[in-house]
Amino acid sequence: MQFSIFDLARTAVQALSGDWEVKRGAWDVSAVLSNETRSFRLHVDEPGDLCLDYDRPSDEELPEEFPLSVVVYPMGMFFEAARPEEGLHALAGKIASAVEAAVSGSPAPTSDKGPEGFRAEPDRRTYRVRVRRSEVIQFTIEADSAGDAEARYLADGVEAASWTEPTSILGVALDQQ
């Protein structure tokens, strides 16, 4: 299953409490998770590490305790040995836990997490719901023609707006994991 950095950030924001939002970064290679006081930039660096840069006040230090496999470096943190094969929700859970640790000073608990890193209610069964979702992204670009704009929008255009179209349920099945 393929997912983008934006998908990871959006899923992590859903797991965080409070008024967090996510914005797609340029060229779809980064995303920004933010609230009124904090901002984190999620991206993959040149060696291929999943990184979460933290734009924090100069007098604020990162806490000493972070979730397992999170390594702190001067600009923020990275997720040691994180790979897409872990899955969208497992990686997003790690990101949400690291953000929570940086903001609150202690990592979010992980021992009572259900499948793929999300909290499961006791005595409830887990279902997988398949949903078709479309995202519309509008770009602006100066071009010689409509064909020229279509050919160059991703490389030279500026993202002007984006929104998610209504979803449709494709199916619901009891999770057998």
Foldseek 3Di string as FASTA:
>chain_A
DDDAQQLLLQLLLVQADDDWDKDQDALRAWMWIDDPAWIWIWGADPVGWTFIFTDHDPVADQAPDAPPQWAADDRGITRHPDDCVLDSLLSSLRVNQRVCCRVVVYGDDQPQADPSRHHDDPPDFDKDWDKDKDKDWDWDDDAPDPVRCVVCCRPGTDTDDMDIDDMDTPDMDGDPD
